[in-house]
Amino acid sequence: MERTKAVVCGATGMVGQVYVAMLSDHPWFELVGVAASERSAGRRYGDAARWYIPGEIPDVARSMTVLPCTADAVTATGATLVFSALPSDVAGPMEHSLADAGMAVVADTASHRMDADVPLIVPEVNADHLAALSVQRAGGRKGFIVTGPNCSTAALILSLKPLQAAFGIRRVIVVTMQALSGAGYAGVPSMAIVDNLIPFIRNEEEKIARETQKMLGSWSDGSFQPADIPVSASCNRVAVLEGHTESVLVELDRFASPEEVEQVLRDFQGEPQRLHLPTAPEHPVIVRAEPDRPQPRLDRLAGEPARARGMTAVAGRIRRDPAFVTGIKYTVLSHNTIRGAAGNAILTAELLAAKGLL
């Protein structure tokens, strides 16, 4: 098949670099452009990008000239697909302009996650929400915008969806221990985090609650109907490089044993697995039996086949909670810049392609 031409906006940042690495040899998408801020535009990508992630800058991108993040510059590449990792202060209007110019914009930025006509997607969880794209197109937009969730919401939602389907959910309480890379390379000063934990991440708790309710809800009669599930989140930044770990308490609608919960998580699959998408992990959720797993250093790159490394959420310590008759507690972890950002967006674009929406 002819590959879809793609551009990464925000390509010099940490998440942008993950996009570049994952797209460098993608079987369905051809990376034809990298775009970034004015201070990087016009330079060779190999010179403009201070490479943060393991491995070398892919050859396909190293000699590319960094483009400005404008609709005209992106359109000139011949691309029809844009992955946006832009800073939040510029992402909103830029993503609108790209979609108005006819681009399919798949973003992991926060700007449009809660828009009334924009799907907020983890492909295994709510692929049916892509029906909202018809509303965007009916409004006259030539292209469209699809978003992915906050990096801490990604692992949580993968673990909650199968529980909602099997048992129903009354409420969720989650405490996150979030990796440093979620704040960007210069996001947390070393003197602030070494020998320390920071029990506050601005706007994060509110995002987790809103996004979880939207994604566990439905799309019907031309609008999103959020799930009536209270979500209480407490967020902490910890001295871990990659991988968000979350302690979760779920009050189910009916009693389920830990063994039943484990089996439901193990059996969970979604549209990406049924469609055999290139970046889809064989199992969206893996359950570890060891009493001290998951751990970021050991489990953040879980996922098979090789292209899906970092795309699997890892759950463990599944047990009953004595405070609630139908309470279940567990720990879940996922790679925040892969499943929580670039990898989830690429999988979403694969789903769009498989459904003929690109």
Protein backbone atom coordinates (compact mmCIF):
# COMPACT_ATOMS: atom_id res chain seq x y z
CA MET A 1 0.00 0.00 0.00
CA GLU A 2 1.10 3.58 -0.60
CA ARG A 3 2.20 5.13 2.66
CA THR A 4 0.43 8.22 4.02
CA LYS A 5 2.73 11.26 4.16
CA ALA A 6 3.07 12.67 7.67
CA VAL A 7 4.62 15.68 9.41
CA VAL A 8 5.46 15.99 13.11
CA CYS A 9 4.84 19.42 14.66
CA GLY A 10 6.84 20.06 17.81
CA ALA A 11 9.42 17.59 16.52
CA THR A 12 12.40 18.80 18.56
CA GLY A 13 10.82 18.21 21.99
CA MET A 14 10.89 14.97 23.98
CA VAL A 15 7.55 13.64 22.71
CA GLY A 16 8.28 14.95 19.22
CA GLN A 17 11.46 12.90 19.17
CA VAL A 18 9.52 9.76 20.11
CA TYR A 19 7.25 10.45 17.13
CA VAL A 20 10.25 10.83 14.83
CA ALA A 21 11.81 7.59 16.08
CA MET A 22 8.58 5.58 15.80
CA LEU A 23 7.72 6.96 12.35
CA SER A 24 11.20 6.52 10.87
CA ASP A 25 10.43 3.01 9.63
CA HIS A 26 6.66 2.87 9.89
CA PRO A 27 5.01 0.55 7.34
CA TRP A 28 1.93 2.77 6.79
CA PHE A 29 3.21 6.32 7.34
CA GLU A 30 6.06 8.17 5.63
CA LEU A 31 7.74 10.95 7.59
CA VAL A 32 8.14 13.80 5.09
CA GLY A 33 8.59 16.78 7.38
CA VAL A 34 9.51 17.96 10.86
CA ALA A 35 8.27 21.29 12.19
CA ALA A 36 9.09 23.29 15.29
CA SER A 37 9.37 26.80 16.71
CA GLU A 38 10.81 29.80 14.92
CA ARG A 39 14.17 29.38 16.66
CA SER A 40 14.56 25.92 15.10
CA ALA A 41 12.95 26.57 11.72
CA GLY A 42 15.41 26.61 8.83
CA ARG A 43 18.03 24.48 10.60
CA ARG A 44 18.88 20.84 9.95
CA TYR A 45 16.90 18.60 12.28
CA GLY A 46 20.13 16.91 13.39
CA ASP A 47 21.44 20.28 14.54
CA ALA A 48 18.20 21.67 15.98
CA ALA A 49 17.14 18.63 18.01
CA ARG A 50 19.05 17.97 21.21
CA TRP A 51 18.43 14.23 21.14
CA TYR A 52 17.14 12.97 24.48
CA ILE A 53 15.93 9.44 23.82
CA PRO A 54 17.95 6.20 23.43
CA GLY A 55 19.53 5.56 20.04
CA GLU A 56 20.61 7.91 17.29
CA ILE A 57 18.57 10.42 15.33
CA PRO A 58 16.98 8.42 12.48
CA ASP A 59 18.69 8.95 9.14
CA VAL A 60 15.39 9.80 7.46
CA ALA A 61 15.04 12.88 9.68
CA ARG A 62 18.63 13.94 10.39
CA SER A 63 19.08 16.05 7.26
CA MET A 64 15.55 17.41 7.03
CA THR A 65 15.18 21.16 7.25
CA VAL A 66 12.97 22.07 10.19
CA LEU A 67 9.80 23.75 8.99
CA PRO A 68 7.84 26.48 10.73
CA CYS A 69 4.60 25.22 12.24
CA THR A 70 2.30 26.84 9.69
CA ALA A 71 -0.40 25.36 7.50
CA ASP A 72 1.35 26.62 4.35
CA ALA A 73 4.67 24.99 5.26
CA VAL A 74 3.07 21.67 6.18
CA THR A 75 0.84 21.62 3.09
CA ALA A 76 3.87 22.20 0.86
CA THR A 77 5.34 18.84 1.94
CA GLY A 78 2.43 16.94 0.40
CA ALA A 79 1.48 15.54 3.80
CA THR A 80 -2.12 14.82 4.71
CA LEU A 81 -1.46 13.66 8.28
CA VAL A 82 -0.02 15.76 11.12
CA PHE A 83 1.08 14.56 14.54
CA SER A 84 1.04 17.43 17.01
CA ALA A 85 3.32 17.58 20.04
CA LEU A 86 3.21 21.37 20.19
CA PRO A 87 3.47 23.35 23.44
CA SER A 88 0.05 24.05 24.91
CA ASP A 89 0.36 27.81 24.50
CA VAL A 90 0.44 27.52 20.69
CA ALA A 91 -1.21 24.17 20.01
CA GLY A 92 -4.84 25.28 20.00
CA PRO A 93 -4.95 27.74 17.10
CA MET A 94 -2.23 25.94 15.15
CA GLU A 95 -4.09 22.61 15.20
CA HIS A 96 -7.26 24.42 14.09
CA SER A 97 -5.45 26.02 11.16
CA LEU A 98 -3.94 22.70 10.07
CA ALA A 99 -7.34 20.98 10.19
CA ASP A 100 -8.95 23.88 8.30
CA ALA A 101 -6.28 23.41 5.62
CA GLY A 102 -7.39 19.81 5.13
CA MET A 103 -5.02 17.93 7.44
CA ALA A 104 -5.89 14.99 9.63
CA VAL A 105 -4.45 16.23 12.94
CA VAL A 106 -3.71 13.64 15.62
CA ALA A 107 -2.63 15.48 18.77
CA ASP A 108 -1.47 14.55 22.23
CA THR A 109 -1.76 18.15 23.40
CA ALA A 110 -4.45 19.27 25.86
CA SER A 111 -5.92 22.12 23.81
CA HIS A 112 -8.87 20.31 22.20
CA ARG A 113 -9.35 17.22 24.40
CA MET A 114 -12.61 18.44 25.88
CA ASP A 115 -14.02 20.09 22.74
CA ALA A 116 -17.60 19.04 22.05
CA ASP A 117 -16.81 17.58 18.61
CA VAL A 118 -13.27 16.25 19.14
CA PRO A 119 -12.76 12.55 19.95
CA LEU A 120 -10.43 11.82 22.89
CA ILE A 121 -9.10 8.40 21.99
CA VAL A 122 -7.28 5.41 23.35
CA PRO A 123 -7.99 3.05 20.45
CA GLU A 124 -8.70 -0.04 22.54
CA VAL A 125 -11.10 1.88 24.78
CA ASN A 126 -13.39 4.08 22.70
CA ALA A 127 -12.81 3.68 18.98
CA ASP A 128 -16.52 4.31 18.48
CA HIS A 129 -16.02 7.96 19.52
CA LEU A 130 -14.48 8.58 16.08
CA ALA A 131 -18.07 9.03 14.95
CA ALA A 132 -17.71 12.60 16.22
CA LEU A 133 -15.56 13.40 13.19
CA SER A 134 -18.73 13.62 11.11
CA VAL A 135 -19.75 16.66 13.16
CA GLN A 136 -16.43 18.39 12.48
CA ARG A 137 -16.80 17.77 8.76
CA ALA A 138 -20.44 18.85 8.75
CA GLY A 139 -19.26 22.18 10.13
CA GLY A 140 -17.27 22.79 6.97
CA ARG A 141 -13.80 21.83 8.16
CA LYS A 142 -11.76 20.20 5.40
CA GLY A 143 -9.71 18.09 7.81
CA PHE A 144 -10.24 17.11 11.43
CA ILE A 145 -8.68 16.89 14.90
CA VAL A 146 -8.39 13.77 17.04
CA THR A 147 -6.70 13.89 20.44
CA GLY A 148 -5.18 11.48 22.94
CA PRO A 149 -5.40 11.73 26.72
CA ASN A 150 -3.06 13.05 29.32
CA CYS A 151 -0.14 10.67 29.83
CA SER A 152 -1.35 9.68 33.30
CA THR A 153 -4.88 8.99 32.06
CA ALA A 154 -3.67 6.51 29.42
CA ALA A 155 -2.71 3.66 31.77
CA LEU A 156 -5.68 4.30 34.03
CA ILE A 157 -8.22 4.15 31.21
CA LEU A 158 -6.76 0.93 29.78
CA SER A 159 -7.27 -0.75 33.14
CA LEU A 160 -10.72 0.75 33.81
CA LYS A 161 -12.42 -0.01 30.50
CA PRO A 162 -12.50 -3.82 30.88
CA LEU A 163 -13.68 -3.45 34.49
CA GLN A 164 -16.47 -1.10 33.42
CA ALA A 165 -17.59 -3.53 30.72
CA ALA A 166 -17.50 -6.61 32.98
CA PHE A 167 -18.62 -5.32 36.36
CA GLY A 168 -19.62 -1.65 36.12
CA ILE A 169 -17.86 1.12 38.06
CA ARG A 170 -19.28 3.36 40.82
CA ARG A 171 -16.22 5.46 41.62
CA VAL A 172 -12.45 5.65 41.12
CA ILE A 173 -9.70 6.88 43.44
CA VAL A 174 -6.21 7.08 41.96
CA VAL A 175 -2.81 8.23 43.25
CA THR A 176 -0.20 8.77 40.55
CA MET A 177 3.61 8.68 40.76
CA GLN A 178 4.60 10.39 37.55
CA ALA A 179 7.94 10.30 35.76
CA LEU A 180 10.11 13.34 35.13
CA SER A 181 9.88 13.09 31.35
CA GLY A 182 6.21 14.00 31.62
CA ALA A 183 7.32 17.54 32.47
CA GLY A 184 9.81 17.78 29.59
CA TYR A 185 13.60 17.80 29.68
CA ALA A 186 13.84 21.06 31.63
CA GLY A 187 10.52 20.72 33.41
CA VAL A 188 11.70 19.89 36.95
CA PRO A 189 15.03 21.22 38.28
CA SER A 190 17.33 18.52 39.63
CA MET A 191 17.63 20.27 42.98
CA ALA A 192 13.86 20.10 43.34
CA ILE A 193 13.45 16.38 42.69
CA VAL A 194 16.63 14.63 43.90
CA ASP A 195 15.94 13.09 47.34
CA ASN A 196 12.39 14.34 47.02
CA LEU A 197 8.81 13.89 45.83
CA ILE A 198 6.61 16.76 44.66
CA PRO A 199 2.93 16.19 45.57
CA PHE A 200 1.52 18.60 43.01
CA ILE A 201 1.31 18.75 39.21
CA ARG A 202 -0.62 21.74 37.93
CA ASN A 203 -4.06 20.89 36.42
CA GLU A 204 -3.23 17.18 36.32
CA GLU A 205 -5.85 15.95 38.77
CA GLU A 206 -8.63 17.82 37.01
CA LYS A 207 -7.51 16.47 33.61
CA ILE A 208 -7.55 12.86 34.82
CA ALA A 209 -11.10 13.20 36.14
CA ARG A 210 -12.56 14.96 33.08
CA GLU A 211 -10.79 12.81 30.51
CA THR A 212 -11.68 9.53 32.21
CA GLN A 213 -15.35 10.47 32.32
CA LYS A 214 -15.36 11.52 28.66
CA MET A 215 -13.61 8.37 27.45
CA LEU A 216 -15.69 5.96 29.55
CA GLY A 217 -18.82 7.74 28.35
CA SER A 218 -20.59 7.44 25.02
CA TRP A 219 -21.15 9.27 21.77
CA SER A 220 -24.87 9.43 21.01
CA ASP A 221 -27.28 11.82 19.30
CA GLY A 222 -24.40 13.93 18.06
CA SER A 223 -22.74 14.63 21.40
CA PHE A 224 -20.52 13.09 24.07
CA GLN A 225 -22.28 11.80 27.18
CA PRO A 226 -19.69 11.58 30.02
CA ALA A 227 -19.77 8.56 32.27
CA ASP A 228 -21.42 9.22 35.63
CA ILE A 229 -18.36 7.97 37.53
CA PRO A 230 -16.74 10.20 40.17
CA VAL A 231 -12.94 10.20 39.78
CA SER A 232 -10.69 11.43 42.59
CA ALA A 233 -7.02 11.86 41.62
CA SER A 234 -3.92 12.85 43.60
CA CYS A 235 -0.81 13.43 41.48
CA ASN A 236 2.86 13.30 42.46
CA ARG A 237 6.10 13.88 40.53
CA VAL A 238 8.78 11.34 41.43
CA ALA A 239 12.45 10.81 40.54
CA VAL A 240 11.82 8.28 37.77
CA LEU A 241 12.85 9.02 34.18
CA GLU A 242 10.10 7.19 32.26
CA GLY A 243 6.92 5.39 33.25
CA HIS A 244 3.94 6.59 35.26
CA THR A 245 2.87 4.33 38.13
CA GLU A 246 -0.62 4.59 39.60
CA SER A 247 -2.27 3.11 42.70
CA VAL A 248 -5.95 2.62 41.88
CA LEU A 249 -9.01 1.89 44.02
CA VAL A 250 -12.18 1.05 42.09
CA GLU A 251 -15.59 0.54 43.63
CA LEU A 252 -17.40 -1.82 41.26
CA ASP A 253 -21.14 -2.04 40.71
CA ARG A 254 -21.06 -5.68 41.78
CA PHE A 255 -18.73 -7.94 43.67
CA ALA A 256 -15.79 -9.44 41.76
CA SER A 257 -12.93 -11.47 43.16
CA PRO A 258 -9.32 -10.47 42.45
CA GLU A 259 -9.04 -13.59 40.28
CA GLU A 260 -12.01 -12.49 38.16
CA VAL A 261 -10.53 -9.02 37.78
CA GLU A 262 -7.16 -10.46 36.74
CA GLN A 263 -8.81 -12.62 34.08
CA VAL A 264 -10.86 -9.73 32.67
CA LEU A 265 -7.72 -7.59 32.37
CA ARG A 266 -5.77 -10.40 30.70
CA ASP A 267 -8.55 -11.09 28.20
CA PHE A 268 -9.09 -7.45 27.27
CA GLN A 269 -8.65 -6.55 23.61
CA GLY A 270 -9.96 -3.80 21.37
CA GLU A 271 -10.21 -2.71 17.76
CA PRO A 272 -6.40 -2.42 17.27
CA GLN A 273 -5.92 -6.09 18.19
CA ARG A 274 -8.83 -7.25 16.04
CA LEU A 275 -7.52 -5.21 13.10
CA HIS A 276 -3.86 -6.25 13.72
CA LEU A 277 -2.63 -2.67 13.53
CA PRO A 278 1.17 -2.32 13.29
CA THR A 279 1.70 -0.59 16.65
CA ALA A 280 -0.96 -2.54 18.56
CA PRO A 281 0.37 -4.70 21.40
CA GLU A 282 -0.87 -8.27 21.51
CA HIS A 283 -2.22 -7.56 24.99
CA PRO A 284 -3.17 -3.98 25.95
CA VAL A 285 -2.90 -4.96 29.62
CA ILE A 286 -0.48 -7.48 31.15
CA VAL A 287 -1.03 -8.73 34.70
CA ARG A 288 2.03 -9.49 36.83
CA ALA A 289 1.72 -12.02 39.65
CA GLU A 290 4.79 -10.92 41.64
CA PRO A 291 3.98 -9.00 44.84
CA ASP A 292 6.34 -6.11 43.95
CA ARG A 293 5.41 -5.45 40.31
CA PRO A 294 4.89 -3.43 38.18
CA GLN A 295 8.01 -1.28 38.48
CA PRO A 296 8.98 1.49 36.02
CA ARG A 297 12.51 0.28 35.34
CA LEU A 298 11.39 -3.30 34.70
CA ASP A 299 7.99 -2.87 33.04
CA ARG A 300 7.75 0.43 31.15
CA LEU A 301 8.78 -1.11 27.80
CA ALA A 302 6.37 -4.03 27.98
CA GLY A 303 4.62 -4.94 24.75
CA GLU A 304 4.94 -7.34 21.85
CA PRO A 305 5.68 -7.33 18.92
CA ALA A 306 8.82 -5.18 18.88
CA ARG A 307 7.06 -2.17 17.32
CA ALA A 308 4.63 -2.18 20.26
CA ARG A 309 7.25 -1.95 23.01
CA GLY A 310 6.04 0.58 25.57
CA MET A 311 2.42 0.28 24.41
CA THR A 312 1.21 -2.17 27.08
CA ALA A 313 -0.12 -1.17 30.50
CA VAL A 314 1.17 -3.45 33.25
CA ALA A 315 -1.07 -4.18 36.25
CA GLY A 316 -0.30 -5.95 39.50
CA ARG A 317 -1.09 -6.22 43.22
CA ILE A 318 -4.76 -6.85 42.43
CA ARG A 319 -6.60 -7.31 45.70
CA ARG A 320 -9.82 -6.56 47.56
CA ASP A 321 -10.21 -3.30 49.44
CA PRO A 322 -11.71 -3.55 52.94
CA ALA A 323 -13.22 -0.06 52.87
CA PHE A 324 -15.74 -0.95 50.13
CA VAL A 325 -17.80 -4.13 49.79
CA THR A 326 -17.13 -4.17 46.04
CA GLY A 327 -13.74 -2.45 46.18
CA ILE A 328 -10.72 -3.62 44.18
CA LYS A 329 -7.21 -2.16 44.49
CA TYR A 330 -4.32 -2.53 42.06
CA THR A 331 -1.20 -0.85 40.67
CA VAL A 332 -0.90 -0.01 36.97
CA LEU A 333 2.02 1.40 34.97
CA SER A 334 2.62 2.52 31.41
CA HIS A 335 5.31 4.35 29.44
CA ASN A 336 4.26 7.98 29.48
CA THR A 337 5.88 9.21 26.26
CA ILE A 338 4.99 6.09 24.24
CA ARG A 339 1.57 4.78 25.31
CA GLY A 340 0.85 8.07 27.05
CA ALA A 341 1.70 10.25 24.06
CA ALA A 342 3.35 9.52 20.69
CA GLY A 343 2.68 5.78 20.51
CA ASN A 344 -1.00 6.19 21.35
CA ALA A 345 -1.33 8.89 18.67
CA ILE A 346 0.35 6.71 16.04
CA LEU A 347 -1.94 3.81 16.95
CA THR A 348 -4.90 6.19 16.63
CA ALA A 349 -3.73 7.21 13.15
CA GLU A 350 -3.43 3.53 12.22
CA LEU A 351 -7.02 3.04 13.36
CA LEU A 352 -8.11 6.01 11.25
CA ALA A 353 -6.32 4.52 8.25
CA ALA A 354 -7.84 1.08 8.78
CA LYS A 355 -11.31 2.61 8.92
CA GLY A 356 -10.76 4.64 5.74
CA LEU A 357 -10.84 7.98 7.56
CA LEU A 358 -7.49 9.36 6.34
